Protein backbone atom coordinates (compact mmCIF):
# COMPACT_ATOMS: atom_id res chain seq x y z
CA MET A 1 0.29 -0.19 -0.12
CA VAL A 2 1.15 3.12 -0.76
CA ALA A 3 0.45 6.19 1.59
CA MET A 4 -2.31 8.98 0.31
CA ASP A 5 -1.07 12.56 -0.70
CA SER A 6 -3.12 14.23 2.39
CA SER A 7 -3.06 17.17 0.15
CA THR A 8 -5.67 15.14 -2.11
CA ALA A 9 -7.82 13.29 0.97
CA ALA A 10 -10.76 15.98 0.92
CA THR A 11 -10.98 15.42 -3.05
CA ARG A 12 -11.18 11.97 -2.91
CA TRP A 13 -13.46 11.46 0.00
CA SER A 14 -15.66 14.07 -1.55
CA PRO A 15 -18.90 14.09 0.40
CA GLN A 16 -20.74 12.58 -2.63
CA LEU A 17 -18.76 9.34 -2.46
CA VAL A 18 -19.35 9.30 0.92
CA ARG A 19 -23.19 9.60 0.12
CA ASP A 20 -22.61 6.52 -2.49
CA LEU A 21 -21.41 4.26 -0.52
CA ALA A 22 -23.96 4.61 1.75
CA ALA A 23 -26.96 4.85 -0.68
CA PRO A 24 -29.66 1.87 -0.17
CA ASN A 25 -29.11 0.25 -3.52
CA ALA A 26 -25.48 -0.11 -2.87
CA SER A 27 -23.91 -3.27 -2.18
CA PRO A 28 -20.52 -4.03 -0.67
CA ALA A 29 -19.21 -4.76 -4.61
CA SER A 30 -20.25 -1.18 -6.16
CA ALA A 31 -18.74 0.50 -3.04
CA THR A 32 -15.34 -1.27 -3.67
CA ARG A 33 -15.51 -0.18 -7.38
CA ASP A 34 -16.01 3.20 -6.27
CA LEU A 35 -13.60 3.69 -4.02
CA ALA A 36 -11.11 1.92 -5.82
CA ALA A 37 -11.65 4.10 -8.46
CA HIS A 38 -10.80 7.43 -6.29
CA GLY A 39 -7.72 5.49 -5.75
CA ILE A 40 -8.34 4.21 -1.94
CA PRO A 41 -7.33 0.77 -0.93
CA VAL A 42 -10.17 -1.53 0.25
CA PHE A 43 -9.74 -5.21 1.09
CA PRO A 44 -12.33 -8.20 1.34
CA CYS A 45 -13.87 -9.59 5.32
CA ALA A 46 -15.91 -12.36 5.89
CA PRO A 47 -19.85 -11.90 4.98
CA GLY A 48 -21.86 -10.84 8.28
CA GLU A 49 -18.02 -10.37 10.32
CA LYS A 50 -14.86 -7.98 10.39
CA ARG A 51 -12.36 -10.93 9.68
CA PRO A 52 -10.21 -10.45 6.15
CA LEU A 53 -10.10 -13.07 4.05
CA THR A 54 -6.98 -12.03 2.57
CA PRO A 55 -3.80 -13.81 3.79
CA HIS A 56 -2.52 -10.06 5.42
CA GLY A 57 -5.46 -8.52 6.45
CA PHE A 58 -5.37 -4.90 5.78
CA HIS A 59 -1.73 -4.90 4.48
CA ASP A 60 -3.09 -6.44 1.53
CA ALA A 61 -5.81 -4.15 0.67
CA THR A 62 -5.38 -2.06 -2.71
CA SER A 63 -6.87 0.32 -4.91
CA ASP A 64 -6.10 -1.67 -8.42
CA PRO A 65 -9.12 -2.15 -10.15
CA GLY A 66 -8.26 -5.84 -11.51
CA THR A 67 -7.42 -6.86 -8.20
CA VAL A 68 -10.61 -6.14 -6.37
CA SER A 69 -12.56 -7.27 -8.83
CA ARG A 70 -11.12 -10.25 -8.62
CA TRP A 71 -11.70 -10.40 -4.78
CA TRP A 72 -15.54 -9.60 -4.89
CA SER A 73 -15.47 -12.42 -7.92
CA MET A 74 -14.81 -14.82 -5.33
CA TRP A 75 -16.01 -13.62 -2.39
CA PRO A 76 -19.52 -11.55 -3.73
CA SER A 77 -20.95 -11.51 -0.03
CA ALA A 78 -17.73 -10.08 1.54
CA ASN A 79 -18.10 -6.70 3.60
CA LEU A 80 -15.95 -3.89 2.81
CA GLY A 81 -12.71 -2.62 4.53
CA ILE A 82 -10.37 -0.01 4.56
CA PRO A 83 -7.42 0.45 6.20
CA THR A 84 -6.89 3.94 8.39
CA GLY A 85 -5.00 6.42 8.17
CA ALA A 86 -2.43 7.51 5.71
CA VAL A 87 -2.95 4.65 3.12
CA SER A 88 -6.41 5.96 3.12
CA GLY A 89 -6.55 9.27 3.88
CA ILE A 90 -8.86 9.03 6.67
CA ASP A 91 -8.74 8.31 10.66
CA VAL A 92 -11.85 7.16 12.59
CA VAL A 93 -12.79 7.47 16.22
CA ASP A 94 -14.99 4.42 16.78
CA VAL A 95 -17.27 4.45 19.97
CA ASP A 96 -18.06 1.38 21.00
CA VAL A 97 -21.95 0.20 22.45
CA HIS A 98 -21.95 -3.17 24.30
CA VAL A 99 -23.18 -4.69 27.53
CA GLY A 100 -19.75 -3.80 29.40
CA GLY A 101 -20.79 -0.14 28.67
CA SER A 102 -20.69 2.83 26.01
CA GLY A 103 -18.49 5.24 25.02
CA PHE A 104 -20.49 8.03 24.24
CA GLY A 105 -19.55 9.91 27.62
CA ALA A 106 -16.38 9.85 26.77
CA PHE A 107 -16.70 11.31 23.21
CA GLY A 108 -18.93 13.78 24.36
CA LYS A 109 -16.56 14.63 27.09
CA ALA A 110 -13.97 14.89 24.53
CA GLN A 111 -16.17 16.66 21.85
CA HIS A 112 -16.96 19.58 24.76
CA ALA A 113 -13.27 19.91 25.15
CA GLY A 114 -12.83 20.39 21.15
CA PHE A 115 -10.92 17.57 20.41
CA VAL A 116 -13.68 15.59 18.07
CA SER A 117 -16.01 17.92 17.11
CA ASN A 118 -14.60 18.43 13.27
CA TRP A 119 -15.24 15.45 11.76
CA ALA A 120 -16.31 14.74 8.16
CA TRP A 121 -19.21 12.06 8.58
CA GLN A 122 -20.13 9.71 10.89
CA VAL A 123 -21.81 6.49 10.53
CA ARG A 124 -23.70 4.40 13.22
CA THR A 125 -22.41 0.86 13.60
CA PRO A 126 -24.44 -2.18 13.76
CA SER A 127 -23.92 -1.99 17.40
CA GLY A 128 -25.47 1.32 17.95
CA GLY A 129 -21.99 2.54 18.09
CA LEU A 130 -20.57 5.38 16.05
CA HIS A 131 -17.77 5.93 13.29
CA ALA A 132 -16.52 9.84 13.45
CA TYR A 133 -14.65 9.90 10.25
CA PHE A 134 -11.90 12.34 9.92
CA LEU A 135 -9.68 13.39 7.06
CA ARG A 136 -6.36 13.30 7.23
CA TRP A 137 -4.78 16.89 6.18
CA HIS A 138 -1.22 16.06 7.28
CA GLY A 139 1.92 13.75 7.30
CA GLN A 140 2.60 12.85 10.94
CA GLU A 141 1.97 9.70 12.25
CA HIS A 142 -0.43 9.07 14.41
CA ARG A 143 -0.94 5.01 15.29
CA SER A 144 -4.18 3.06 16.60
CA TRP A 145 -4.96 2.65 19.53
CA GLN A 146 -7.56 1.05 22.20
CA LEU A 147 -9.13 2.41 25.54
CA PRO A 148 -11.14 -0.34 26.41
CA GLY A 149 -12.10 0.78 30.14
CA HIS A 150 -13.49 4.51 27.77
CA HIS A 151 -15.03 1.55 25.57
CA LEU A 152 -13.43 3.77 22.75
CA ASP A 153 -10.65 3.21 20.14
CA PHE A 154 -8.93 5.01 17.82
CA ARG A 155 -8.16 4.02 14.34
CA GLY A 156 -5.26 5.46 12.70
CA ASP A 157 -2.22 4.27 11.01
CA GLY A 158 -2.06 0.41 11.39
CA GLY A 159 -5.88 -0.26 11.52
CA TYR A 160 -8.96 -0.71 9.57
CA VAL A 161 -12.94 0.19 9.36
CA ILE A 162 -15.34 -1.79 8.15
CA ALA A 163 -17.58 0.63 6.45
CA PRO A 164 -21.17 1.16 4.46
CA PRO A 165 -22.89 -0.88 2.99
CA SER A 166 -21.36 -3.58 5.04
CA ARG A 167 -23.62 -5.64 7.32
CA ILE A 168 -22.61 -7.55 10.47
CA VAL A 169 -24.19 -10.45 12.35
CA VAL A 170 -24.94 -9.13 15.76
CA ALA A 171 -24.98 -10.95 19.30
CA ASP A 172 -29.07 -11.13 19.01
CA GLY A 173 -28.08 -12.99 15.55
CA SER A 174 -29.89 -10.15 13.41
CA GLU A 175 -27.62 -8.34 10.45
CA ARG A 176 -27.42 -5.02 10.59
CA GLY A 177 -25.65 -2.68 8.77
CA TYR A 178 -23.25 0.24 8.83
CA GLU A 179 -25.80 3.46 8.70
CA LEU A 180 -24.46 6.97 7.36
CA VAL A 181 -26.27 9.47 10.09
CA ALA A 182 -24.31 13.11 9.08
CA LEU A 183 -22.32 14.75 6.59
CA ALA A 184 -20.41 17.46 8.37
CA SER A 185 -21.72 20.98 7.07
CA HIS A 186 -18.78 22.49 9.04
CA GLN A 187 -15.36 22.64 7.38
CA PRO A 188 -13.90 18.96 8.18
CA ARG A 189 -10.18 19.17 10.11
CA SER A 190 -7.59 16.37 11.22
CA ILE A 191 -7.55 14.86 14.32
CA ASP A 192 -4.82 14.65 16.62
CA GLY A 193 -5.34 11.06 18.24
CA THR A 194 -2.11 11.37 20.40
CA ALA A 195 -3.78 14.49 22.20
CA LEU A 196 -7.19 12.76 22.17
CA ARG A 197 -5.71 9.78 24.11
CA ASN A 198 -3.49 11.83 26.07
CA PHE A 199 -6.86 13.88 27.01
CA LEU A 200 -8.33 10.83 27.84
CA ASP A 201 -5.66 8.94 29.46
CA PRO A 202 -3.11 11.48 30.79
CA PRO A 203 0.09 10.10 31.46
CA GLN A 204 1.45 10.28 34.68
CA ARG A 205 3.65 12.34 34.87
CA HIS A 206 6.67 11.89 37.50
CA THR A 207 10.85 11.77 37.49
CA PRO A 208 12.81 8.67 37.81
CA PRO A 209 12.49 7.08 41.52
CA PRO A 210 15.23 8.26 43.73
CA ASP A 211 16.19 4.97 44.65
CA LEU A 212 15.30 3.34 40.73
CA PRO A 213 19.13 1.60 40.67
CA SER A 214 21.06 2.63 37.75
CA ALA A 215 21.42 -1.45 36.86
CA GLY A 216 19.45 -4.62 37.11
CA ALA A 217 15.78 -2.68 37.46
CA ARG A 218 12.93 -4.88 36.62
CA PRO A 219 11.82 -4.61 33.35
CA ASP A 220 8.53 -4.18 33.96
CA LYS A 221 9.12 -1.05 36.50
CA LEU A 222 11.30 -0.05 33.58
CA ALA A 223 8.29 -0.12 31.09
CA ALA A 224 5.79 1.32 33.24
CA TRP A 225 8.23 4.52 34.04
CA VAL A 226 8.90 4.97 30.15
CA ALA A 227 4.32 4.19 29.32
CA THR A 228 4.65 7.42 31.43
CA ARG A 229 7.41 9.63 29.88
CA PRO A 230 5.55 13.22 29.19
CA GLU A 231 6.58 14.97 25.68
CA GLY A 232 9.88 15.80 25.08
CA ASP A 233 11.04 13.68 27.47
CA ARG A 234 9.86 10.29 25.49
CA ASN A 235 12.38 9.31 23.69
CA GLY A 236 15.49 10.33 26.46
CA GLY A 237 13.38 8.60 28.90
CA LEU A 238 13.41 5.50 26.55
CA PHE A 239 17.21 5.52 25.94
CA TRP A 240 17.65 5.66 29.55
CA ALA A 241 15.60 2.66 30.10
CA ALA A 242 17.06 0.58 27.08
CA CYS A 243 20.48 0.83 28.72
CA ARG A 244 19.30 -0.28 31.67
CA MET A 245 18.25 -3.60 30.46
CA ALA A 246 21.51 -3.79 27.71
CA GLU A 247 23.87 -3.53 31.48
CA SER A 248 21.68 -6.23 32.74
CA ASN A 249 22.52 -8.28 29.77
CA TYR A 250 18.56 -8.96 28.91
CA PRO A 251 18.40 -9.82 25.02
CA PHE A 252 17.51 -7.17 22.57
CA GLN A 253 14.27 -8.60 21.34
CA THR A 254 13.10 -8.20 24.84
CA ALA A 255 13.76 -5.18 25.21
CA ALA A 256 12.40 -4.47 22.21
CA GLY A 257 9.16 -6.18 23.05
CA VAL A 258 8.47 -4.98 26.86
CA LEU A 259 10.01 -1.31 26.16
CA GLY A 260 8.28 -0.99 22.82
CA GLU A 261 4.96 -0.85 23.94
CA ALA A 262 5.12 1.23 26.49
CA ALA A 263 6.85 3.67 24.33
CA GLN A 264 4.09 3.97 21.91
CA HIS A 265 1.65 3.95 25.44
CA ALA A 266 3.50 7.89 25.66
CA GLY A 267 3.34 8.18 22.06
CA LEU A 268 5.77 7.49 20.23
CA SER A 269 5.54 5.14 16.87
CA ASP A 270 6.93 1.90 16.32
CA ARG A 271 10.02 3.36 14.21
CA GLU A 272 10.90 6.23 17.05
CA ALA A 273 10.75 3.58 19.72
CA ALA A 274 12.96 0.66 17.46
CA ALA A 275 15.46 2.70 16.48
CA THR A 276 16.08 4.16 19.56
CA ILE A 277 16.43 0.83 21.98
CA ARG A 278 18.59 -0.23 18.97
CA SER A 279 20.78 3.13 19.57
CA ALA A 280 20.69 2.41 23.15
CA TYR A 281 21.60 -1.28 22.65
CA ARG A 282 25.22 -0.48 20.15
CA ILE A 283 26.28 2.10 22.83
CA ALA A 284 25.11 0.47 25.63
CA THR A 285 26.95 -3.23 24.82
CA ARG A 286 29.18 -1.89 22.63
CA LEU A 287 29.21 -4.66 20.30
CA GLY A 288 28.16 -3.07 17.26
CA PRO A 289 24.32 -3.53 15.46
CA VAL A 290 22.35 -5.65 16.88
CA ASN A 291 19.42 -8.00 15.54
CA PRO A 292 15.66 -6.38 14.08
CA ALA A 293 13.27 -6.27 16.36
CA GLY A 294 10.75 -9.24 16.84
CA PRO A 295 8.51 -10.82 18.66
CA THR A 296 9.76 -12.00 22.28
CA ARG A 297 10.33 -15.45 22.79
CA ALA A 298 8.78 -17.83 25.71
CA VAL A 299 12.12 -18.64 26.95
CA GLU A 300 12.48 -15.14 27.22
CA ALA A 301 9.46 -13.98 28.26
CA VAL A 302 9.98 -16.29 31.65
CA THR A 303 12.22 -14.28 32.74
CA LEU A 304 10.74 -11.40 33.18
């Protein structure tokens, strides 16, 4: 997939295109053709579900007309998946509604504070929740995240949504669709996903505990500290913690897994976190380049 030029997002995602996707006579097959014609990548998901049908899920998304036509010839009832973020020019705030709670309280709080007011269109989801779509006007990366306690998710880079006119089988066994409920009468603007997360789930701001050892600190303690680093101290804090793990002879893969996730919570991207941890290991170990980041092996996880 190739990232969409942010300056073209509004042109490709015209109000008419959004209306056409949600038209009463629209089908996922016809919608995918329209999206592909506008250069917006799509991929098929199982009928009545959100599960991707292609081997690599949203990573397989494409706007190539031949590929799209072949997919929906194979799976004519497939739902429509769209990768979010720079690749498609949209970010989505997903307001969940389920037995455990509703995200409308958190969404209303964020809207009152001005974080989610400039959506481009809104879609009611089959569960009764909401997808608020925002156009990506800038090139800054905003990774997807979830706040289960607030029943609200952000679908940005590295995520995807199921879009109209798809239909989902819900808990009671009935099938319900994604419905367009509002098109903006205001000027749509981009959303700062990191700022929204920090507003709803403020990071704790504190300095390292005075008794934190310079070597031998437990990885979980280091990760908890990295996750609370404020803007301006994220890279520095991550570098310091990675050096401590290197000095304690933890494998690079372990540090990349434990500290990388904590750094993302603090607001760093995957790429920034991996580069900082790699740099720390090179300097702390003096052993030259380390292996690329990857999953923590089970034998390593036991030591945590």
